[in-house]
N, C-alpha and C. Protein backbone atom coordinates (compact mmCIF):
# COMPACT_ATOMS: atom_id res chain seq x y z
N UNK A 1 -18.14 -17.52 -11.49
CA UNK A 1 -17.57 -16.24 -11.15
C UNK A 1 -18.07 -15.83 -9.77
N UNK A 2 -17.15 -15.33 -8.96
CA UNK A 2 -17.48 -14.94 -7.60
C UNK A 2 -18.24 -13.62 -7.59
N UNK A 3 -19.29 -13.56 -6.78
CA UNK A 3 -20.10 -12.36 -6.68
C UNK A 3 -19.36 -11.26 -5.93
N UNK A 4 -19.53 -10.02 -6.36
CA UNK A 4 -18.91 -8.87 -5.72
C UNK A 4 -19.55 -8.62 -4.35
N UNK A 5 -18.72 -8.50 -3.34
CA UNK A 5 -19.18 -8.22 -1.98
C UNK A 5 -18.45 -6.99 -1.47
N UNK A 6 -19.12 -5.84 -1.35
CA UNK A 6 -18.44 -4.61 -0.94
C UNK A 6 -17.94 -4.64 0.50
N UNK A 7 -18.37 -5.60 1.29
CA UNK A 7 -17.98 -5.68 2.70
C UNK A 7 -16.82 -6.66 2.96
N UNK A 8 -16.19 -7.12 1.89
CA UNK A 8 -15.06 -8.05 2.03
C UNK A 8 -14.01 -7.43 2.94
N UNK A 9 -13.44 -8.25 3.80
CA UNK A 9 -12.36 -7.84 4.67
C UNK A 9 -11.07 -8.47 4.14
N UNK A 10 -9.93 -7.89 4.51
CA UNK A 10 -8.69 -8.49 4.08
C UNK A 10 -7.51 -7.55 4.06
N UNK A 11 -6.46 -8.02 3.43
CA UNK A 11 -5.22 -7.27 3.26
C UNK A 11 -5.21 -6.70 1.84
N UNK A 12 -4.61 -5.53 1.69
CA UNK A 12 -4.53 -4.92 0.37
C UNK A 12 -3.15 -4.33 0.17
N UNK A 13 -2.80 -4.13 -1.09
CA UNK A 13 -1.59 -3.39 -1.42
C UNK A 13 -1.92 -2.43 -2.55
N UNK A 14 -1.30 -1.27 -2.48
CA UNK A 14 -1.57 -0.22 -3.46
C UNK A 14 -0.25 0.27 -4.03
N UNK A 15 -0.21 0.42 -5.33
CA UNK A 15 0.98 0.95 -5.98
C UNK A 15 0.74 2.41 -6.34
N UNK A 16 1.68 3.25 -5.95
CA UNK A 16 1.60 4.69 -6.22
C UNK A 16 2.83 5.10 -7.02
N UNK A 17 2.66 6.05 -7.91
CA UNK A 17 3.78 6.58 -8.68
C UNK A 17 4.02 8.01 -8.28
N UNK A 18 5.26 8.31 -7.91
CA UNK A 18 5.66 9.68 -7.59
C UNK A 18 6.45 10.21 -8.78
N UNK A 19 5.91 11.22 -9.49
CA UNK A 19 6.53 11.66 -10.74
C UNK A 19 7.83 12.45 -10.59
N UNK A 20 8.12 12.98 -9.39
CA UNK A 20 9.37 13.70 -9.18
C UNK A 20 9.82 13.55 -7.73
N UNK A 21 11.11 13.70 -7.53
CA UNK A 21 11.67 13.62 -6.18
C UNK A 21 11.02 14.70 -5.31
N UNK A 22 10.67 14.33 -4.08
CA UNK A 22 9.99 15.26 -3.17
C UNK A 22 10.47 15.04 -1.74
N UNK A 23 10.56 16.12 -0.98
CA UNK A 23 10.71 16.05 0.47
C UNK A 23 9.33 16.31 1.04
N UNK A 24 8.77 15.31 1.74
CA UNK A 24 7.39 15.39 2.21
C UNK A 24 7.36 15.16 3.71
N UNK A 25 6.61 15.99 4.41
CA UNK A 25 6.42 15.80 5.84
C UNK A 25 5.33 14.75 6.02
N UNK A 26 5.68 13.67 6.70
CA UNK A 26 4.76 12.55 6.94
C UNK A 26 4.43 12.51 8.43
N UNK A 27 3.45 13.29 8.84
CA UNK A 27 2.99 13.29 10.23
C UNK A 27 4.13 13.34 11.23
N UNK A 28 4.07 12.48 12.25
CA UNK A 28 5.08 12.42 13.30
C UNK A 28 6.42 11.86 12.83
N UNK A 29 6.44 11.23 11.64
CA UNK A 29 7.71 10.73 11.10
C UNK A 29 8.60 11.87 10.65
N UNK A 30 7.99 13.03 10.35
CA UNK A 30 8.76 14.19 9.91
C UNK A 30 9.00 14.18 8.41
N UNK A 31 10.00 14.96 8.00
CA UNK A 31 10.31 15.13 6.58
C UNK A 31 11.09 13.92 6.06
N UNK A 32 10.60 13.38 4.96
CA UNK A 32 11.23 12.22 4.33
C UNK A 32 11.49 12.55 2.87
N UNK A 33 12.67 12.17 2.39
CA UNK A 33 13.00 12.35 0.98
C UNK A 33 12.48 11.13 0.20
N UNK A 34 11.60 11.38 -0.76
CA UNK A 34 11.05 10.33 -1.62
C UNK A 34 11.60 10.52 -3.02
N UNK A 35 12.20 9.46 -3.57
CA UNK A 35 12.70 9.50 -4.93
C UNK A 35 11.57 9.31 -5.92
N UNK A 36 11.79 9.77 -7.15
CA UNK A 36 10.84 9.51 -8.22
C UNK A 36 10.76 8.01 -8.41
N UNK A 37 9.55 7.50 -8.58
CA UNK A 37 9.40 6.07 -8.82
C UNK A 37 8.14 5.51 -8.22
N UNK A 38 8.13 4.20 -8.03
CA UNK A 38 6.94 3.48 -7.59
C UNK A 38 7.06 3.07 -6.13
N UNK A 39 5.95 3.18 -5.43
CA UNK A 39 5.87 2.82 -4.02
C UNK A 39 4.72 1.84 -3.83
N UNK A 40 4.97 0.80 -3.06
CA UNK A 40 3.92 -0.17 -2.75
C UNK A 40 3.60 -0.05 -1.27
N UNK A 41 2.35 0.27 -0.99
CA UNK A 41 1.86 0.43 0.37
C UNK A 41 1.00 -0.77 0.73
N UNK A 42 1.21 -1.30 1.93
CA UNK A 42 0.46 -2.47 2.39
C UNK A 42 -0.42 -2.07 3.57
N UNK A 43 -1.68 -2.50 3.52
CA UNK A 43 -2.60 -2.23 4.62
C UNK A 43 -3.58 -3.38 4.78
N UNK A 44 -4.47 -3.21 5.74
CA UNK A 44 -5.53 -4.21 5.94
C UNK A 44 -6.76 -3.50 6.48
N UNK A 45 -7.89 -4.13 6.27
CA UNK A 45 -9.13 -3.64 6.86
C UNK A 45 -10.01 -4.83 7.20
N UNK A 46 -10.25 -4.97 8.49
CA UNK A 46 -11.17 -5.99 8.98
C UNK A 46 -12.33 -5.34 9.71
N UNK A 47 -12.56 -4.06 9.39
CA UNK A 47 -13.71 -3.35 9.98
C UNK A 47 -14.98 -3.79 9.26
N UNK A 48 -16.14 -3.46 9.82
CA UNK A 48 -17.38 -3.89 9.18
C UNK A 48 -17.64 -3.20 7.85
N UNK A 49 -17.00 -2.05 7.60
CA UNK A 49 -17.19 -1.40 6.30
C UNK A 49 -16.39 -2.08 5.19
N UNK A 50 -15.35 -2.83 5.56
CA UNK A 50 -14.63 -3.65 4.59
C UNK A 50 -13.46 -2.96 3.92
N UNK A 51 -12.72 -3.77 3.17
CA UNK A 51 -11.49 -3.32 2.53
C UNK A 51 -11.76 -2.34 1.38
N UNK A 52 -12.87 -2.50 0.67
CA UNK A 52 -13.16 -1.59 -0.44
C UNK A 52 -13.40 -0.16 0.06
N UNK A 53 -14.02 -0.05 1.22
CA UNK A 53 -14.24 1.26 1.82
C UNK A 53 -12.91 1.92 2.15
N UNK A 54 -11.97 1.16 2.68
CA UNK A 54 -10.65 1.70 3.01
C UNK A 54 -9.91 2.13 1.75
N UNK A 55 -9.96 1.30 0.73
CA UNK A 55 -9.29 1.63 -0.53
C UNK A 55 -9.90 2.88 -1.15
N UNK A 56 -11.22 2.96 -1.12
CA UNK A 56 -11.90 4.14 -1.66
C UNK A 56 -11.42 5.40 -0.96
N UNK A 57 -11.27 5.33 0.37
CA UNK A 57 -10.78 6.48 1.13
C UNK A 57 -9.36 6.85 0.68
N UNK A 58 -8.53 5.85 0.47
CA UNK A 58 -7.15 6.12 0.03
C UNK A 58 -7.11 6.74 -1.36
N UNK A 59 -8.08 6.42 -2.20
CA UNK A 59 -8.10 6.97 -3.55
C UNK A 59 -8.53 8.43 -3.58
N UNK A 60 -9.23 8.87 -2.55
CA UNK A 60 -9.64 10.28 -2.48
C UNK A 60 -8.45 11.12 -2.06
N UNK A 61 -8.20 12.19 -2.79
CA UNK A 61 -7.04 13.04 -2.49
C UNK A 61 -7.29 13.94 -1.28
N UNK A 62 -8.49 14.43 -1.14
CA UNK A 62 -8.77 15.46 -0.14
C UNK A 62 -9.45 14.86 1.09
N UNK A 63 -8.67 14.19 1.93
CA UNK A 63 -9.20 13.60 3.17
C UNK A 63 -8.37 14.10 4.35
N UNK A 64 -8.92 13.99 5.54
CA UNK A 64 -8.13 14.35 6.71
C UNK A 64 -6.97 13.37 6.83
N UNK A 65 -5.90 13.83 7.42
CA UNK A 65 -4.69 13.01 7.51
C UNK A 65 -4.73 12.15 8.77
N UNK A 66 -5.08 10.90 8.57
CA UNK A 66 -5.20 9.93 9.66
C UNK A 66 -4.05 8.93 9.67
N UNK A 67 -3.65 8.47 8.47
CA UNK A 67 -2.59 7.49 8.31
C UNK A 67 -1.43 8.12 7.53
N UNK A 68 -0.26 7.49 7.63
CA UNK A 68 0.91 8.01 6.91
C UNK A 68 0.64 8.15 5.41
N UNK A 69 -0.09 7.20 4.85
CA UNK A 69 -0.38 7.22 3.42
C UNK A 69 -1.15 8.48 3.01
N UNK A 70 -1.90 9.06 3.93
CA UNK A 70 -2.67 10.27 3.62
C UNK A 70 -1.77 11.46 3.28
N UNK A 71 -0.57 11.48 3.83
CA UNK A 71 0.37 12.56 3.54
C UNK A 71 1.04 12.37 2.19
N UNK A 72 1.33 11.13 1.84
CA UNK A 72 2.02 10.83 0.58
C UNK A 72 1.10 10.89 -0.63
N UNK A 73 -0.14 10.47 -0.48
CA UNK A 73 -1.03 10.32 -1.64
C UNK A 73 -1.30 11.62 -2.38
N UNK A 74 -1.15 12.76 -1.71
CA UNK A 74 -1.35 14.06 -2.36
C UNK A 74 -0.38 14.28 -3.52
N UNK A 75 0.77 13.63 -3.47
CA UNK A 75 1.83 13.86 -4.45
C UNK A 75 1.93 12.76 -5.50
N UNK A 76 1.11 11.72 -5.36
CA UNK A 76 1.27 10.54 -6.20
C UNK A 76 0.07 10.28 -7.10
N UNK A 77 0.29 9.36 -8.03
CA UNK A 77 -0.78 8.84 -8.88
C UNK A 77 -0.93 7.35 -8.52
N UNK A 78 -2.16 6.90 -8.32
CA UNK A 78 -2.40 5.49 -8.03
C UNK A 78 -2.31 4.68 -9.32
N UNK A 79 -1.67 3.52 -9.24
CA UNK A 79 -1.51 2.66 -10.41
C UNK A 79 -2.34 1.39 -10.34
N UNK A 80 -2.30 0.68 -9.22
CA UNK A 80 -3.12 -0.53 -9.09
C UNK A 80 -3.31 -0.89 -7.63
N UNK A 81 -4.28 -1.75 -7.40
CA UNK A 81 -4.60 -2.22 -6.06
C UNK A 81 -4.80 -3.73 -6.13
N UNK A 82 -4.26 -4.44 -5.16
CA UNK A 82 -4.48 -5.87 -5.04
C UNK A 82 -5.11 -6.17 -3.69
N UNK A 83 -5.97 -7.17 -3.65
CA UNK A 83 -6.68 -7.53 -2.41
C UNK A 83 -6.52 -9.02 -2.15
N UNK A 84 -6.18 -9.35 -0.91
CA UNK A 84 -6.14 -10.74 -0.47
C UNK A 84 -7.30 -10.89 0.50
N UNK A 85 -8.35 -11.55 0.07
CA UNK A 85 -9.60 -11.63 0.84
C UNK A 85 -9.47 -12.45 2.11
N UNK A 86 -10.06 -11.92 3.19
CA UNK A 86 -10.26 -12.64 4.45
C UNK A 86 -8.99 -13.19 5.08
N UNK A 87 -7.86 -12.65 4.72
CA UNK A 87 -6.59 -13.10 5.29
C UNK A 87 -5.82 -11.88 5.78
N UNK A 88 -5.32 -11.97 7.01
CA UNK A 88 -4.47 -10.91 7.54
C UNK A 88 -3.02 -11.29 7.28
N UNK A 89 -2.50 -10.85 6.13
CA UNK A 89 -1.11 -11.14 5.78
C UNK A 89 -0.32 -9.85 5.59
N UNK A 90 -0.80 -8.77 6.19
CA UNK A 90 -0.16 -7.46 6.07
C UNK A 90 1.32 -7.52 6.49
N UNK A 91 1.59 -8.02 7.68
CA UNK A 91 2.97 -8.06 8.19
C UNK A 91 3.81 -9.12 7.47
N UNK A 92 3.20 -10.22 7.07
CA UNK A 92 3.92 -11.24 6.29
C UNK A 92 4.36 -10.64 4.95
N UNK A 93 3.46 -9.95 4.29
CA UNK A 93 3.77 -9.32 3.01
C UNK A 93 4.87 -8.28 3.18
N UNK A 94 4.80 -7.47 4.25
CA UNK A 94 5.85 -6.48 4.52
C UNK A 94 7.20 -7.15 4.74
N UNK A 95 7.19 -8.27 5.43
CA UNK A 95 8.44 -8.99 5.71
C UNK A 95 9.10 -9.49 4.43
N UNK A 96 8.31 -10.06 3.52
CA UNK A 96 8.92 -10.59 2.30
C UNK A 96 9.35 -9.46 1.35
N UNK A 97 8.59 -8.36 1.30
CA UNK A 97 8.99 -7.23 0.46
C UNK A 97 10.26 -6.57 1.00
N UNK A 98 10.42 -6.60 2.30
CA UNK A 98 11.59 -6.03 2.95
C UNK A 98 12.89 -6.74 2.51
N UNK A 99 12.77 -8.00 2.08
CA UNK A 99 13.93 -8.76 1.62
C UNK A 99 14.48 -8.26 0.29
N UNK A 100 13.63 -7.65 -0.53
CA UNK A 100 14.04 -7.30 -1.90
C UNK A 100 14.03 -5.80 -2.19
N UNK A 101 13.13 -5.05 -1.57
CA UNK A 101 12.93 -3.65 -1.97
C UNK A 101 13.38 -2.67 -0.88
N UNK A 102 13.57 -1.44 -1.30
CA UNK A 102 13.95 -0.38 -0.37
C UNK A 102 12.74 -0.03 0.48
N UNK A 103 12.92 -0.01 1.78
CA UNK A 103 11.81 0.31 2.69
C UNK A 103 11.90 1.77 3.12
N UNK A 104 10.75 2.36 3.37
CA UNK A 104 10.68 3.70 3.95
C UNK A 104 10.43 3.46 5.44
N UNK A 105 11.46 3.62 6.24
CA UNK A 105 11.43 3.22 7.66
C UNK A 105 10.25 3.79 8.42
N UNK A 106 9.59 2.89 9.14
CA UNK A 106 8.48 3.17 10.06
C UNK A 106 7.19 3.64 9.38
N UNK A 107 7.17 3.71 8.05
CA UNK A 107 6.00 4.18 7.32
C UNK A 107 4.89 3.14 7.39
N UNK A 108 3.76 3.53 7.95
CA UNK A 108 2.58 2.66 7.98
C UNK A 108 2.66 1.51 8.97
N UNK A 109 3.69 1.49 9.80
CA UNK A 109 3.87 0.34 10.68
C UNK A 109 3.94 0.73 12.16
N UNK A 110 3.28 1.80 12.52
CA UNK A 110 3.33 2.25 13.91
C UNK A 110 2.52 1.35 14.85
N UNK A 111 1.67 0.50 14.29
CA UNK A 111 0.85 -0.38 15.13
C UNK A 111 1.34 -1.83 15.13
N UNK A 112 2.57 -2.05 14.63
CA UNK A 112 3.13 -3.40 14.63
C UNK A 112 4.65 -3.32 14.76
N UNK A 113 5.33 -4.45 14.63
CA UNK A 113 6.78 -4.49 14.80
C UNK A 113 7.54 -4.48 13.47
N UNK A 114 6.83 -4.31 12.37
CA UNK A 114 7.48 -4.30 11.06
C UNK A 114 8.35 -3.05 10.90
N UNK A 115 9.38 -3.17 10.06
CA UNK A 115 10.23 -2.01 9.75
C UNK A 115 9.47 -0.98 8.94
N UNK A 116 8.58 -1.44 8.08
CA UNK A 116 7.85 -0.54 7.19
C UNK A 116 6.69 -1.28 6.52
N UNK A 117 5.73 -0.50 6.03
CA UNK A 117 4.67 -1.02 5.16
C UNK A 117 4.65 -0.26 3.83
N UNK A 118 5.77 0.43 3.54
CA UNK A 118 5.90 1.14 2.26
C UNK A 118 7.27 0.82 1.67
N UNK A 119 7.25 0.42 0.39
CA UNK A 119 8.47 -0.02 -0.28
C UNK A 119 8.62 0.70 -1.62
N UNK A 120 9.88 0.94 -1.99
CA UNK A 120 10.20 1.69 -3.20
C UNK A 120 10.89 0.79 -4.22
N UNK A 121 10.58 1.07 -5.49
CA UNK A 121 11.28 0.43 -6.61
C UNK A 121 11.05 1.29 -7.85
N UNK A 122 11.93 1.17 -8.83
CA UNK A 122 11.73 1.97 -10.05
C UNK A 122 10.93 1.24 -11.12
N UNK A 123 10.56 -0.03 -10.85
CA UNK A 123 9.73 -0.80 -11.79
C UNK A 123 8.56 -1.42 -11.02
N UNK A 124 7.35 -1.03 -11.33
CA UNK A 124 6.18 -1.55 -10.60
C UNK A 124 5.97 -3.05 -10.84
N UNK A 125 6.36 -3.53 -12.01
CA UNK A 125 6.15 -4.94 -12.36
C UNK A 125 6.88 -5.86 -11.39
N UNK A 126 8.02 -5.42 -10.88
CA UNK A 126 8.80 -6.25 -9.97
C UNK A 126 8.07 -6.49 -8.65
N UNK A 127 7.25 -5.54 -8.23
CA UNK A 127 6.43 -5.76 -7.02
C UNK A 127 5.50 -6.96 -7.23
N UNK A 128 4.80 -6.97 -8.35
CA UNK A 128 3.84 -8.03 -8.65
C UNK A 128 4.55 -9.38 -8.78
N UNK A 129 5.66 -9.41 -9.51
CA UNK A 129 6.40 -10.65 -9.70
C UNK A 129 6.85 -11.23 -8.36
N UNK A 130 7.34 -10.38 -7.48
CA UNK A 130 7.86 -10.85 -6.19
C UNK A 130 6.73 -11.34 -5.28
N UNK A 131 5.60 -10.64 -5.31
CA UNK A 131 4.44 -11.07 -4.52
C UNK A 131 3.97 -12.45 -4.99
N UNK A 132 3.90 -12.65 -6.30
CA UNK A 132 3.48 -13.95 -6.84
C UNK A 132 4.48 -15.05 -6.51
N UNK A 133 5.78 -14.75 -6.58
CA UNK A 133 6.80 -15.75 -6.23
C UNK A 133 6.69 -16.17 -4.78
N UNK A 134 6.21 -15.26 -3.93
CA UNK A 134 6.05 -15.57 -2.50
C UNK A 134 4.81 -16.41 -2.24
N UNK A 135 4.03 -16.69 -3.29
CA UNK A 135 2.85 -17.54 -3.14
C UNK A 135 1.59 -16.78 -2.78
N UNK A 136 1.65 -15.47 -2.82
CA UNK A 136 0.46 -14.66 -2.52
C UNK A 136 -0.26 -14.38 -3.83
N UNK A 137 -1.54 -14.72 -3.85
CA UNK A 137 -2.34 -14.54 -5.07
C UNK A 137 -3.51 -13.62 -4.76
N UNK A 138 -3.41 -12.37 -5.16
CA UNK A 138 -4.53 -11.46 -4.91
C UNK A 138 -5.78 -11.89 -5.69
N UNK A 139 -6.94 -11.75 -5.07
CA UNK A 139 -8.21 -12.10 -5.70
C UNK A 139 -8.60 -11.08 -6.75
N UNK A 140 -8.31 -9.83 -6.48
CA UNK A 140 -8.66 -8.77 -7.41
C UNK A 140 -7.41 -7.92 -7.65
N UNK A 141 -7.24 -7.48 -8.85
CA UNK A 141 -6.15 -6.57 -9.17
C UNK A 141 -6.71 -5.53 -10.11
N UNK A 142 -6.81 -4.33 -9.64
CA UNK A 142 -7.42 -3.26 -10.44
C UNK A 142 -6.33 -2.39 -11.03
N UNK A 143 -6.47 -2.08 -12.30
CA UNK A 143 -5.55 -1.16 -12.94
C UNK A 143 -6.19 0.22 -12.86
N UNK A 144 -5.67 1.09 -12.00
CA UNK A 144 -6.26 2.39 -11.77
C UNK A 144 -6.01 3.33 -12.94
N UNK A 145 -4.78 3.35 -13.47
CA UNK A 145 -4.46 4.23 -14.60
C UNK A 145 -3.93 3.40 -15.74
């Protein structure tokens, strides 16, 4: 069994559930209509504090608004988190999810050329199935709720 290392770096994905349709102002992106359902957000952390520190910050509801996800998380419930250790596959993962799921344009992708890093679907299981079919195997998968 692999030892837990809180400083692990890598790519992560988080599934959020929005219980009702909402119009939410997302920073400079402005007001966006979000349907009820599941959203998969993709990010990465290669800072010295590691990916767990970034995920912990995202799980806290009351934080300053630094990233697009900070505006959305106030309205959602977290469902699960997956981590791909020591690999920067954030944009690759966004590209393959873009083939199958509805994207929220420009969300979370202001620092790259991707269309989005947030995807919508009404079944969370389909996110996991599609990620696995693409050959991506997360090292950890936490069931938040």
